[in-house]
Amino acid sequence: MTTPAIDATKEQFRDYLDKQGIVDQLTKVLVSLYEEAEKPANALEYLQQHLTSEGPVTSDFDVIKQENEELKARNEELTARVEELEAQLAATSSAPAPAEGSEETAPAAEEA
């Protein structure tokens, strides 16, 4: 048997949930789950995805973390390539200029 204090606390909590829009949001998500033709394998994940309005769902963090690692590795590769090309550029700019009319100037003109 419940006491009047517990009943009052429950009623206050229900009012709080209603005023915050939580009851409506939960109802909408549960109705959408009910109306799904194919029920999801993980109902809890479904609820999380449909209740979360900000940021990715916890299960998305693994995907984002993996993508971040791949992008970091690609960034390191590209940084090394830039350094390599800068070294090549410095080496070619410090080399003596070829004589006019030589064969080495023709490919450079074609590239530009």
N, C-alpha and C. Protein backbone atom coordinates (compact mmCIF):
# COMPACT_ATOMS: atom_id res chain seq x y z
N MET A 1 0.84 -1.18 0.00
CA MET A 1 0.00 0.00 0.00
C MET A 1 0.89 1.24 0.00
N THR A 2 0.55 2.21 -0.82
CA THR A 2 1.37 3.41 -0.93
C THR A 2 0.87 4.48 0.03
N THR A 3 1.81 5.27 0.45
CA THR A 3 1.48 6.36 1.36
C THR A 3 1.14 7.61 0.56
N PRO A 4 0.42 8.54 1.16
CA PRO A 4 0.07 9.77 0.44
C PRO A 4 1.30 10.58 0.01
N ALA A 5 2.39 10.53 0.76
CA ALA A 5 3.60 11.28 0.41
C ALA A 5 4.21 10.73 -0.88
N ILE A 6 4.23 9.41 -1.00
CA ILE A 6 4.78 8.78 -2.20
C ILE A 6 3.90 9.09 -3.40
N ASP A 7 2.57 9.03 -3.21
CA ASP A 7 1.66 9.36 -4.30
C ASP A 7 1.84 10.81 -4.75
N ALA A 8 2.03 11.72 -3.82
CA ALA A 8 2.23 13.12 -4.15
C ALA A 8 3.54 13.31 -4.92
N THR A 9 4.57 12.60 -4.50
CA THR A 9 5.87 12.69 -5.18
C THR A 9 5.76 12.16 -6.61
N LYS A 10 5.05 11.05 -6.77
CA LYS A 10 4.85 10.49 -8.11
C LYS A 10 4.09 11.47 -8.99
N GLU A 11 3.06 12.08 -8.43
CA GLU A 11 2.26 13.04 -9.20
C GLU A 11 3.08 14.26 -9.59
N GLN A 12 3.93 14.73 -8.69
CA GLN A 12 4.82 15.86 -9.02
C GLN A 12 5.78 15.48 -10.14
N PHE A 13 6.29 14.27 -10.08
CA PHE A 13 7.21 13.82 -11.11
C PHE A 13 6.50 13.70 -12.46
N ARG A 14 5.30 13.17 -12.46
CA ARG A 14 4.51 13.07 -13.70
C ARG A 14 4.26 14.46 -14.29
N ASP A 15 3.92 15.41 -13.41
CA ASP A 15 3.69 16.79 -13.87
C ASP A 15 4.97 17.37 -14.48
N TYR A 16 6.09 17.11 -13.84
CA TYR A 16 7.38 17.58 -14.33
C TYR A 16 7.66 17.02 -15.73
N LEU A 17 7.48 15.71 -15.89
CA LEU A 17 7.71 15.06 -17.19
C LEU A 17 6.78 15.63 -18.26
N ASP A 18 5.55 15.89 -17.88
CA ASP A 18 4.58 16.44 -18.82
C ASP A 18 4.95 17.87 -19.22
N LYS A 19 5.32 18.69 -18.26
CA LYS A 19 5.68 20.09 -18.54
C LYS A 19 6.94 20.19 -19.40
N GLN A 20 7.87 19.26 -19.24
CA GLN A 20 9.11 19.27 -20.00
C GLN A 20 8.95 18.69 -21.41
N GLY A 21 7.78 18.13 -21.70
CA GLY A 21 7.54 17.56 -23.02
C GLY A 21 8.06 16.15 -23.18
N ILE A 22 8.51 15.58 -22.09
CA ILE A 22 9.10 14.24 -22.15
C ILE A 22 8.03 13.19 -22.45
N VAL A 23 6.86 13.34 -21.84
CA VAL A 23 5.78 12.38 -22.06
C VAL A 23 5.40 12.37 -23.54
N ASP A 24 5.26 13.55 -24.14
CA ASP A 24 4.90 13.62 -25.55
C ASP A 24 5.98 13.00 -26.43
N GLN A 25 7.23 13.31 -26.15
CA GLN A 25 8.33 12.79 -26.96
C GLN A 25 8.41 11.27 -26.84
N LEU A 26 8.30 10.75 -25.63
CA LEU A 26 8.33 9.30 -25.44
C LEU A 26 7.16 8.63 -26.16
N THR A 27 6.01 9.26 -26.08
CA THR A 27 4.83 8.71 -26.74
C THR A 27 5.05 8.65 -28.25
N LYS A 28 5.58 9.74 -28.83
CA LYS A 28 5.84 9.77 -30.28
C LYS A 28 6.81 8.68 -30.69
N VAL A 29 7.88 8.51 -29.93
CA VAL A 29 8.89 7.51 -30.29
C VAL A 29 8.33 6.10 -30.14
N LEU A 30 7.60 5.87 -29.08
CA LEU A 30 7.02 4.53 -28.89
C LEU A 30 5.97 4.23 -29.95
N VAL A 31 5.19 5.22 -30.35
CA VAL A 31 4.21 5.01 -31.42
C VAL A 31 4.93 4.71 -32.72
N SER A 32 6.01 5.45 -33.01
CA SER A 32 6.75 5.18 -34.25
C SER A 32 7.35 3.77 -34.23
N LEU A 33 7.81 3.33 -33.08
CA LEU A 33 8.34 1.97 -32.96
C LEU A 33 7.22 0.95 -33.18
N TYR A 34 6.06 1.22 -32.62
CA TYR A 34 4.91 0.33 -32.78
C TYR A 34 4.50 0.22 -34.25
N GLU A 35 4.59 1.34 -34.97
CA GLU A 35 4.15 1.38 -36.36
C GLU A 35 5.19 0.86 -37.34
N GLU A 36 6.39 0.58 -36.89
CA GLU A 36 7.44 0.03 -37.77
C GLU A 36 6.98 -1.32 -38.32
N ALA A 37 7.09 -1.46 -39.65
CA ALA A 37 6.72 -2.74 -40.27
C ALA A 37 7.66 -3.84 -39.82
N GLU A 38 8.97 -3.53 -39.89
CA GLU A 38 9.97 -4.47 -39.40
C GLU A 38 10.53 -3.92 -38.10
N LYS A 39 10.32 -4.64 -37.06
CA LYS A 39 10.82 -4.19 -35.75
C LYS A 39 12.35 -4.28 -35.74
N PRO A 40 13.01 -3.24 -35.20
CA PRO A 40 14.47 -3.27 -35.16
C PRO A 40 14.98 -4.36 -34.24
N ALA A 41 16.17 -4.85 -34.54
CA ALA A 41 16.77 -5.91 -33.72
C ALA A 41 17.09 -5.38 -32.32
N ASN A 42 17.45 -4.12 -32.24
CA ASN A 42 17.80 -3.52 -30.95
C ASN A 42 16.86 -2.35 -30.69
N ALA A 43 15.81 -2.60 -29.93
CA ALA A 43 14.80 -1.58 -29.65
C ALA A 43 15.38 -0.42 -28.83
N LEU A 44 16.30 -0.72 -27.94
CA LEU A 44 16.90 0.33 -27.13
C LEU A 44 17.69 1.30 -28.00
N GLU A 45 18.44 0.78 -28.95
CA GLU A 45 19.18 1.64 -29.87
C GLU A 45 18.22 2.47 -30.71
N TYR A 46 17.12 1.89 -31.12
CA TYR A 46 16.09 2.62 -31.87
C TYR A 46 15.60 3.81 -31.06
N LEU A 47 15.30 3.56 -29.79
CA LEU A 47 14.83 4.64 -28.92
C LEU A 47 15.89 5.72 -28.76
N GLN A 48 17.14 5.31 -28.58
CA GLN A 48 18.21 6.28 -28.43
C GLN A 48 18.34 7.15 -29.66
N GLN A 49 18.28 6.54 -30.83
CA GLN A 49 18.43 7.29 -32.08
C GLN A 49 17.29 8.27 -32.27
N HIS A 50 16.10 7.90 -31.88
CA HIS A 50 14.95 8.76 -32.11
C HIS A 50 14.72 9.76 -30.98
N LEU A 51 15.33 9.53 -29.84
CA LEU A 51 15.20 10.49 -28.74
C LEU A 51 16.34 11.50 -28.73
N THR A 52 17.45 11.14 -29.31
CA THR A 52 18.62 12.01 -29.28
C THR A 52 18.44 13.12 -30.30
N SER A 53 18.45 14.35 -29.81
CA SER A 53 18.32 15.47 -30.73
C SER A 53 19.64 16.19 -30.93
N GLU A 54 20.61 15.92 -30.07
CA GLU A 54 21.91 16.57 -30.18
C GLU A 54 23.00 15.51 -30.19
N GLY A 55 23.90 15.64 -31.17
CA GLY A 55 25.07 14.77 -31.20
C GLY A 55 24.75 13.36 -31.63
N PRO A 56 25.78 12.59 -31.86
CA PRO A 56 25.62 11.22 -32.33
C PRO A 56 25.23 10.27 -31.20
N VAL A 57 24.61 9.19 -31.58
CA VAL A 57 24.26 8.14 -30.64
C VAL A 57 25.53 7.40 -30.24
N THR A 58 25.54 6.81 -29.08
CA THR A 58 26.72 6.13 -28.57
C THR A 58 27.32 5.16 -29.58
N SER A 59 26.48 4.43 -30.29
CA SER A 59 27.00 3.46 -31.26
C SER A 59 27.73 4.14 -32.41
N ASP A 60 27.42 5.41 -32.67
CA ASP A 60 28.10 6.15 -33.74
C ASP A 60 29.51 6.55 -33.35
N PHE A 61 29.81 6.59 -32.08
CA PHE A 61 31.14 7.02 -31.63
C PHE A 61 32.24 6.09 -32.15
N ASP A 62 31.97 4.81 -32.20
CA ASP A 62 32.97 3.87 -32.71
C ASP A 62 33.28 4.17 -34.18
N VAL A 63 32.24 4.44 -34.95
CA VAL A 63 32.42 4.76 -36.37
C VAL A 63 33.20 6.06 -36.51
N ILE A 64 32.83 7.06 -35.73
CA ILE A 64 33.51 8.36 -35.80
C ILE A 64 34.96 8.23 -35.34
N LYS A 65 35.20 7.44 -34.30
CA LYS A 65 36.55 7.24 -33.81
C LYS A 65 37.42 6.57 -34.87
N GLN A 66 36.88 5.57 -35.54
CA GLN A 66 37.62 4.87 -36.61
C GLN A 66 37.92 5.84 -37.75
N GLU A 67 36.93 6.63 -38.13
CA GLU A 67 37.13 7.60 -39.21
C GLU A 67 38.20 8.62 -38.81
N ASN A 68 38.18 9.04 -37.56
CA ASN A 68 39.18 9.98 -37.06
C ASN A 68 40.59 9.39 -37.17
N GLU A 69 40.74 8.13 -36.79
CA GLU A 69 42.05 7.48 -36.88
C GLU A 69 42.52 7.40 -38.33
N GLU A 70 41.61 7.07 -39.23
CA GLU A 70 41.96 6.99 -40.65
C GLU A 70 42.38 8.36 -41.19
N LEU A 71 41.66 9.39 -40.78
CA LEU A 71 41.98 10.74 -41.24
C LEU A 71 43.32 11.22 -40.68
N LYS A 72 43.62 10.85 -39.44
CA LYS A 72 44.92 11.20 -38.86
C LYS A 72 46.05 10.54 -39.64
N ALA A 73 45.87 9.27 -39.98
CA ALA A 73 46.89 8.55 -40.75
C ALA A 73 47.05 9.19 -42.13
N ARG A 74 45.96 9.52 -42.77
CA ARG A 74 46.03 10.16 -44.09
C ARG A 74 46.71 11.53 -43.99
N ASN A 75 46.43 12.26 -42.92
CA ASN A 75 47.06 13.56 -42.71
C ASN A 75 48.58 13.41 -42.56
N GLU A 76 49.01 12.38 -41.84
CA GLU A 76 50.45 12.14 -41.69
C GLU A 76 51.09 11.82 -43.03
N GLU A 77 50.41 11.00 -43.84
CA GLU A 77 50.93 10.66 -45.16
C GLU A 77 51.07 11.91 -46.03
N LEU A 78 50.04 12.73 -46.02
CA LEU A 78 50.06 13.93 -46.85
C LEU A 78 51.09 14.94 -46.36
N THR A 79 51.27 15.04 -45.05
CA THR A 79 52.28 15.94 -44.51
C THR A 79 53.67 15.49 -44.93
N ALA A 80 53.90 14.18 -44.87
CA ALA A 80 55.20 13.65 -45.31
C ALA A 80 55.40 13.91 -46.80
N ARG A 81 54.35 13.76 -47.59
CA ARG A 81 54.45 14.00 -49.04
C ARG A 81 54.75 15.48 -49.32
N VAL A 82 54.12 16.38 -48.58
CA VAL A 82 54.38 17.81 -48.75
C VAL A 82 55.84 18.12 -48.43
N GLU A 83 56.33 17.56 -47.34
CA GLU A 83 57.74 17.78 -46.97
C GLU A 83 58.67 17.25 -48.05
N GLU A 84 58.34 16.09 -48.60
CA GLU A 84 59.15 15.49 -49.66
C GLU A 84 59.16 16.38 -50.91
N LEU A 85 58.00 16.88 -51.28
CA LEU A 85 57.91 17.74 -52.46
C LEU A 85 58.60 19.09 -52.24
N GLU A 86 58.51 19.61 -51.01
CA GLU A 86 59.22 20.86 -50.70
C GLU A 86 60.73 20.66 -50.79
N ALA A 87 61.21 19.50 -50.36
CA ALA A 87 62.63 19.20 -50.45
C ALA A 87 63.06 19.09 -51.91
N GLN A 88 62.23 18.44 -52.73
CA GLN A 88 62.52 18.34 -54.15
C GLN A 88 62.54 19.71 -54.81
N LEU A 89 61.59 20.55 -54.44
CA LEU A 89 61.52 21.90 -54.98
C LEU A 89 62.75 22.71 -54.59
N ALA A 90 63.15 22.59 -53.35
CA ALA A 90 64.34 23.31 -52.89
C ALA A 90 65.57 22.80 -53.63
N ALA A 91 65.64 21.50 -53.87
CA ALA A 91 66.79 20.93 -54.57
C ALA A 91 66.83 21.40 -56.02
N THR A 92 65.68 21.46 -56.67
CA THR A 92 65.67 21.89 -58.06
C THR A 92 65.88 23.39 -58.20
N SER A 93 65.42 24.16 -57.24
CA SER A 93 65.61 25.61 -57.34
C SER A 93 67.04 26.00 -57.01
N SER A 94 67.76 25.18 -56.25
CA SER A 94 69.16 25.49 -55.94
C SER A 94 70.11 24.96 -57.01
N ALA A 95 69.60 24.07 -57.89
CA ALA A 95 70.43 23.53 -58.98
C ALA A 95 70.64 24.63 -60.01
N PRO A 96 71.77 24.56 -60.73
CA PRO A 96 72.02 25.58 -61.76
C PRO A 96 70.97 25.49 -62.85
N ALA A 97 70.59 26.64 -63.37
CA ALA A 97 69.58 26.70 -64.42
C ALA A 97 70.14 26.09 -65.70
N PRO A 98 69.37 25.30 -66.43
CA PRO A 98 69.84 24.71 -67.68
C PRO A 98 70.01 25.80 -68.74
N ALA A 99 70.88 25.54 -69.68
CA ALA A 99 71.14 26.50 -70.75
C ALA A 99 69.91 26.63 -71.62
N GLU A 100 69.74 27.80 -72.21
CA GLU A 100 68.58 28.02 -73.06
C GLU A 100 68.63 27.07 -74.24
N GLY A 101 67.43 26.61 -74.63
CA GLY A 101 67.36 25.73 -75.77
C GLY A 101 67.66 24.29 -75.44
N SER A 102 67.96 23.97 -74.18
CA SER A 102 68.25 22.58 -73.84
C SER A 102 66.95 21.81 -73.71
N GLU A 103 67.04 20.50 -73.69
CA GLU A 103 65.87 19.64 -73.64
C GLU A 103 65.17 19.70 -72.29
N GLU A 104 65.84 20.10 -71.22
CA GLU A 104 65.24 20.10 -69.89
C GLU A 104 64.18 21.17 -69.73
N THR A 105 64.21 22.23 -70.49
CA THR A 105 63.22 23.29 -70.36
C THR A 105 61.92 22.93 -71.06
N ALA A 106 61.94 22.08 -72.06
CA ALA A 106 60.74 21.74 -72.81
C ALA A 106 59.69 21.04 -71.93
N PRO A 107 60.02 20.03 -71.11
CA PRO A 107 58.99 19.40 -70.28
C PRO A 107 58.40 20.37 -69.26
N ALA A 108 59.20 21.26 -68.72
CA ALA A 108 58.68 22.21 -67.74
C ALA A 108 57.66 23.12 -68.39
N ALA A 109 57.89 23.51 -69.62
CA ALA A 109 56.95 24.38 -70.31
C ALA A 109 55.65 23.63 -70.62
N GLU A 110 55.74 22.34 -70.89
CA GLU A 110 54.55 21.55 -71.17
C GLU A 110 53.70 21.36 -69.94
N GLU A 111 54.31 21.23 -68.76
CA GLU A 111 53.58 21.00 -67.52
C GLU A 111 52.77 22.22 -67.12
N ALA A 112 53.28 23.41 -67.37
CA ALA A 112 52.63 24.64 -66.96
C ALA A 112 51.45 24.93 -67.81
